[in-house]
């Protein structure tokens, strides 16, 4: 892997929590950082805060990942602006939501957590894969979760017996399953793909909204993602789910079911098609 100062890195969900702290560390290390956010004002504030903390500039890109057309536009913008891309960190996500909150859908009418946590990262990684291959060695890190539940092919968008925790856990398992498939597709290209549960209930706005007691610091999570991005011993490690730094972590058994992954891939491809 190249030294971090020679890399161009895209981080989604970079205006708060793990994403913002990771972007600041990358900038301090000399990387060309592309910080994604949904809100233009928050992106501007993040850029100013990082400039004040590190003396370095970060680039910004804006898109609402709950709108697949905007995810396509985001991919187009990155491909147009950056001839090289060495790492993608799919960090943006929607949490459990407030206790008792009702079911939400994306701009495309898809259950919101499935749309943002899985489909947006699926589409972005697929759209940017060729640029990452051309820039190899390169890495994709999918910020997933240990909270996982098997998907129901008869109810993929949790329309029945909905609650935010169930929808979140299904979307995060989908993200892990898609990571395994993409890693298999990219074998031999110099691009690794790994999913990671960085830390349990970090002290973030997402966790506080769900009225959960934080169990980890954001720094703990950032340290794990940084390790996955930069450790030279991981150059050939791909297609894994990590719980912290544990390579032997086991996701929900559905992730290891080829038929289930093939079903999810067909569904995902049909949803993200222009």
Protein backbone atom coordinates (compact mmCIF):
# COMPACT_ATOMS: atom_id res chain seq x y z
CA UNK A 1 0.00 0.00 0.00
CA UNK A 2 1.22 3.50 -0.78
CA UNK A 3 2.12 5.87 2.06
CA UNK A 4 -1.01 7.71 3.17
CA UNK A 5 0.43 11.00 1.95
CA UNK A 6 0.36 9.66 -1.62
CA UNK A 7 -3.25 8.49 -1.50
CA UNK A 8 -6.59 9.93 -2.59
CA UNK A 9 -9.30 8.73 -0.22
CA UNK A 10 -13.09 9.15 -0.36
CA UNK A 11 -14.94 8.98 2.97
CA UNK A 12 -18.73 9.08 3.04
CA UNK A 13 -20.56 10.47 6.02
CA UNK A 14 -17.66 12.77 6.84
CA UNK A 15 -19.43 15.61 8.67
CA UNK A 16 -19.78 13.93 12.08
CA UNK A 17 -18.73 10.99 14.20
CA UNK A 18 -16.27 8.44 12.91
CA UNK A 19 -16.24 9.91 9.40
CA UNK A 20 -15.24 13.38 10.51
CA UNK A 21 -12.51 12.14 12.84
CA UNK A 22 -11.17 9.81 10.16
CA UNK A 23 -11.07 12.60 7.58
CA UNK A 24 -9.13 14.79 9.99
CA UNK A 25 -6.58 12.04 10.61
CA UNK A 26 -6.22 11.41 6.88
CA UNK A 27 -5.72 15.11 6.20
CA UNK A 28 -3.13 15.36 8.96
CA UNK A 29 -1.32 12.43 7.33
CA UNK A 30 -1.10 14.26 4.04
CA UNK A 31 -3.73 12.37 2.03
CA UNK A 32 -5.86 13.99 -0.64
CA UNK A 33 -9.18 13.66 1.15
CA UNK A 34 -12.61 13.73 -0.47
CA UNK A 35 -15.12 14.31 2.32
CA UNK A 36 -18.73 13.47 1.50
CA UNK A 37 -21.74 14.85 3.30
CA UNK A 38 -25.44 15.39 2.78
CA UNK A 39 -25.58 18.99 3.96
CA UNK A 40 -23.55 21.75 2.30
CA UNK A 41 -23.30 23.89 5.43
CA UNK A 42 -22.06 21.00 7.53
CA UNK A 43 -19.51 20.16 4.85
CA UNK A 44 -18.25 23.75 4.93
CA UNK A 45 -18.04 23.66 8.73
CA UNK A 46 -16.16 20.36 8.64
CA UNK A 47 -13.68 21.72 6.10
CA UNK A 48 -13.05 24.80 8.26
CA UNK A 49 -12.60 22.72 11.41
CA UNK A 50 -10.09 20.43 9.72
CA UNK A 51 -8.19 23.38 8.28
CA UNK A 52 -7.96 24.90 11.77
CA UNK A 53 -6.85 21.60 13.34
CA UNK A 54 -4.36 20.44 10.71
CA UNK A 55 -3.52 23.38 8.48
CA UNK A 56 -4.57 21.28 5.51
CA UNK A 57 -7.44 21.46 3.05
CA UNK A 58 -9.93 18.71 2.28
CA UNK A 59 -12.10 18.47 -0.81
CA UNK A 60 -15.84 18.05 -0.40
CA UNK A 61 -18.65 16.40 -2.35
CA UNK A 62 -22.34 16.68 -1.53
CA UNK A 63 -25.06 14.07 -2.09
CA UNK A 64 -28.07 12.65 -0.30
CA UNK A 65 -27.40 8.93 -0.30
CA UNK A 66 -31.10 8.25 0.18
CA UNK A 67 -31.55 9.25 -3.46
CA UNK A 68 -29.94 6.81 -5.91
CA UNK A 69 -29.81 9.47 -8.63
CA UNK A 70 -27.62 11.54 -6.30
CA UNK A 71 -25.40 8.53 -5.61
CA UNK A 72 -24.90 8.18 -9.36
CA UNK A 73 -24.12 11.91 -9.54
CA UNK A 74 -21.63 11.58 -6.68
CA UNK A 75 -19.84 8.75 -8.49
CA UNK A 76 -19.78 10.78 -11.71
CA UNK A 77 -18.30 13.77 -9.89
CA UNK A 78 -15.55 11.73 -8.23
CA UNK A 79 -14.66 10.06 -11.53
CA UNK A 80 -14.58 13.41 -13.31
CA UNK A 81 -12.47 15.19 -10.69
CA UNK A 82 -9.99 12.54 -9.55
CA UNK A 83 -7.82 10.56 -11.99
CA UNK A 84 -6.74 8.32 -9.13
CA UNK A 85 -8.59 6.86 -6.15
CA UNK A 86 -6.76 4.66 -3.68
CA UNK A 87 -9.36 4.08 -0.97
CA UNK A 88 -13.10 4.25 -0.43
CA UNK A 89 -14.54 4.23 3.07
CA UNK A 90 -18.29 3.66 2.96
CA UNK A 91 -19.08 5.05 6.38
CA UNK A 92 -22.34 6.99 5.93
CA UNK A 93 -25.35 5.34 7.49
CA UNK A 94 -28.72 5.64 9.16
CA UNK A 95 -29.05 4.22 12.67
CA UNK A 96 -31.94 2.67 14.58
CA UNK A 97 -33.80 5.96 14.71
CA UNK A 98 -35.58 7.36 17.75
CA UNK A 99 -37.43 4.77 19.85
CA UNK A 100 -40.88 4.18 18.44
CA UNK A 101 -40.21 6.05 15.19
CA UNK A 102 -42.15 4.82 12.19
CA UNK A 103 -40.96 3.26 8.99
CA UNK A 104 -39.22 5.66 6.57
CA UNK A 105 -38.55 5.36 2.86
CA UNK A 106 -35.95 6.88 0.56
CA UNK A 107 -36.54 9.18 -2.39
CA UNK A 108 -36.91 6.01 -4.46
CA UNK A 109 -39.52 4.50 -2.17
CA UNK A 110 -37.12 1.97 -0.63
CA UNK A 111 -36.94 1.38 3.12
CA UNK A 112 -34.52 4.06 4.29
CA UNK A 113 -31.95 1.97 6.15
CA UNK A 114 -31.69 -0.58 3.35
CA UNK A 115 -31.36 2.27 0.84
CA UNK A 116 -28.61 4.21 2.64
CA UNK A 117 -26.69 1.56 4.58
CA UNK A 118 -26.64 -1.04 1.82
CA UNK A 119 -27.72 0.22 -1.61
CA UNK A 120 -25.81 3.50 -1.60
CA UNK A 121 -22.55 1.83 -0.56
CA UNK A 122 -23.20 -1.01 -3.02
CA UNK A 123 -23.74 1.38 -5.91
CA UNK A 124 -20.86 3.69 -5.04
CA UNK A 125 -18.37 0.84 -4.69
CA UNK A 126 -19.50 -0.71 -7.98
CA UNK A 127 -19.34 2.62 -9.82
CA UNK A 128 -15.85 3.43 -8.51
CA UNK A 129 -14.36 -0.06 -8.74
CA UNK A 130 -12.67 0.45 -12.11
CA UNK A 131 -10.97 3.66 -10.91
CA UNK A 132 -9.76 1.87 -7.79
CA UNK A 133 -8.42 -1.01 -9.91
CA UNK A 134 -6.61 1.45 -12.18
CA UNK A 135 -5.07 3.07 -9.07
CA UNK A 136 -4.18 -0.18 -7.30
CA UNK A 137 -3.05 -1.05 -4.76
CA UNK A 138 -6.30 0.21 -3.30
CA UNK A 139 -8.73 -0.63 -0.51
CA UNK A 140 -12.46 -0.49 0.13
CA UNK A 141 -13.58 -0.44 3.75
CA UNK A 142 -17.27 -0.96 4.45
CA UNK A 143 -18.18 0.34 7.90
CA UNK A 144 -20.73 -2.27 8.92
CA UNK A 145 -21.97 -3.47 12.30
CA UNK A 146 -22.07 -6.49 14.58
CA UNK A 147 -25.82 -5.87 14.71
CA UNK A 148 -27.00 -8.20 11.93
CA UNK A 149 -30.23 -10.02 11.12
CA UNK A 150 -30.97 -12.34 8.21
CA UNK A 151 -32.90 -10.79 5.34
CA UNK A 152 -36.32 -12.16 4.42
CA UNK A 153 -36.68 -12.63 0.63
CA UNK A 154 -40.44 -12.35 1.07
CA UNK A 155 -40.09 -9.03 2.88
CA UNK A 156 -36.72 -7.50 1.89
CA UNK A 157 -37.72 -3.97 2.88
CA UNK A 158 -39.19 -4.80 6.30
CA UNK A 159 -42.71 -3.75 5.41
CA UNK A 160 -44.22 -6.08 8.01
CA UNK A 161 -43.64 -5.87 11.76
CA UNK A 162 -41.33 -2.92 11.23
CA UNK A 163 -38.97 -1.53 13.79
CA UNK A 164 -35.83 0.50 13.27
CA UNK A 165 -33.50 -1.99 14.93
CA UNK A 166 -34.63 -4.84 12.69
CA UNK A 167 -34.34 -2.71 9.55
CA UNK A 168 -30.89 -1.47 10.57
CA UNK A 169 -29.55 -4.95 11.35
CA UNK A 170 -30.84 -6.34 8.06
CA UNK A 171 -29.28 -3.47 6.11
CA UNK A 172 -25.93 -3.97 7.79
CA UNK A 173 -25.91 -7.68 7.02
CA UNK A 174 -26.72 -6.81 3.40
CA UNK A 175 -23.68 -4.54 3.40
CA UNK A 176 -21.46 -7.39 4.62
CA UNK A 177 -22.89 -9.81 2.04
CA UNK A 178 -22.26 -7.34 -0.78
CA UNK A 179 -18.70 -6.82 0.47
CA UNK A 180 -17.99 -10.53 0.16
CA UNK A 181 -19.30 -10.57 -3.42
CA UNK A 182 -17.33 -7.50 -4.47
CA UNK A 183 -14.14 -8.90 -2.92
CA UNK A 184 -14.59 -12.07 -4.99
CA UNK A 185 -15.13 -10.01 -8.14
CA UNK A 186 -11.91 -8.05 -7.51
CA UNK A 187 -9.57 -10.95 -6.75
CA UNK A 188 -6.24 -10.38 -8.46
CA UNK A 189 -6.83 -6.68 -9.16
CA UNK A 190 -4.91 -5.27 -6.20
CA UNK A 191 -8.10 -3.91 -4.62
CA UNK A 192 -9.12 -5.35 -1.26
CA UNK A 193 -12.66 -5.19 0.13
CA UNK A 194 -13.39 -5.74 3.80
CA UNK A 195 -16.31 -5.02 6.11
CA UNK A 196 -15.80 -3.99 9.70
CA UNK A 197 -17.64 -3.44 12.94
CA UNK A 198 -15.28 -0.74 14.23
CA UNK A 199 -16.57 -0.44 17.81
CA UNK A 200 -19.74 -1.04 19.78
CA UNK A 201 -22.12 1.90 20.33
CA UNK A 202 -19.60 4.67 19.80
CA UNK A 203 -20.41 8.03 21.33
CA UNK A 204 -22.09 9.49 18.23
CA UNK A 205 -25.25 11.40 17.39
CA UNK A 206 -26.67 8.20 15.86
CA UNK A 207 -26.31 6.32 19.14
CA UNK A 208 -27.66 9.21 21.20
CA UNK A 209 -30.72 9.52 18.93
CA UNK A 210 -31.51 5.89 19.65
CA UNK A 211 -31.21 6.67 23.39
CA UNK A 212 -28.47 4.09 23.76
CA UNK A 213 -25.67 4.40 26.31
CA UNK A 214 -22.31 4.73 24.51
CA UNK A 215 -19.92 1.84 25.13
CA UNK A 216 -16.95 2.96 23.01
CA UNK A 217 -15.23 6.15 21.98
CA UNK A 218 -15.16 7.39 18.43
CA UNK A 219 -11.37 7.20 18.57
CA UNK A 220 -11.56 3.45 19.14
CA UNK A 221 -13.57 3.08 15.95
CA UNK A 222 -11.31 5.39 13.96
CA UNK A 223 -8.24 3.46 15.08
CA UNK A 224 -9.70 0.25 13.64
CA UNK A 225 -10.67 1.80 10.30
CA UNK A 226 -7.26 3.50 10.07
CA UNK A 227 -5.61 0.11 10.62
CA UNK A 228 -7.66 -1.45 7.80
CA UNK A 229 -6.71 1.42 5.51
CA UNK A 230 -3.01 1.64 6.23
CA UNK A 231 -1.50 -1.55 7.69
CA UNK A 232 0.88 -3.08 5.09
CA UNK A 233 0.26 -6.53 6.54
CA UNK A 234 -3.29 -6.30 5.13
CA UNK A 235 -2.23 -5.77 1.52
CA UNK A 236 -3.59 -9.16 0.44
CA UNK A 237 -6.36 -9.53 3.00
CA UNK A 238 -9.76 -9.25 1.32
CA UNK A 239 -13.26 -10.64 1.63
CA UNK A 240 -13.38 -10.59 5.43
CA UNK A 241 -15.68 -9.28 8.11
CA UNK A 242 -13.78 -7.83 11.06
CA UNK A 243 -15.12 -7.22 14.55
CA UNK A 244 -12.58 -4.65 15.64
CA UNK A 245 -9.27 -6.20 14.60
CA UNK A 246 -10.53 -9.78 14.79
CA UNK A 247 -10.21 -11.28 11.33
CA UNK A 248 -11.86 -14.46 12.60
CA UNK A 249 -15.13 -12.68 13.44
CA UNK A 250 -18.20 -14.48 12.13
CA UNK A 251 -21.05 -12.54 10.53
CA UNK A 252 -24.63 -13.81 10.45
CA UNK A 253 -24.62 -17.23 8.67
CA UNK A 254 -26.64 -15.80 5.77
CA UNK A 255 -23.50 -13.93 4.68
CA UNK A 256 -21.82 -17.25 3.89
CA UNK A 257 -24.77 -18.57 1.88
CA UNK A 258 -24.00 -18.23 -1.86
CA UNK A 259 -27.68 -18.52 -2.82
CA UNK A 260 -28.67 -15.77 -0.40
CA UNK A 261 -25.90 -13.51 -1.67
CA UNK A 262 -26.92 -14.17 -5.28
CA UNK A 263 -30.53 -13.26 -4.45
CA UNK A 264 -29.43 -10.04 -2.76
CA UNK A 265 -27.18 -9.14 -5.67
CA UNK A 266 -29.99 -9.58 -8.19
CA UNK A 267 -32.27 -7.45 -6.03
CA UNK A 268 -29.62 -4.77 -5.54
CA UNK A 269 -28.75 -4.62 -9.24
CA UNK A 270 -32.39 -4.19 -10.16
CA UNK A 271 -32.79 -1.35 -7.67
CA UNK A 272 -29.69 0.66 -8.59
CA UNK A 273 -30.11 0.42 -12.37
CA UNK A 274 -30.52 3.85 -13.90
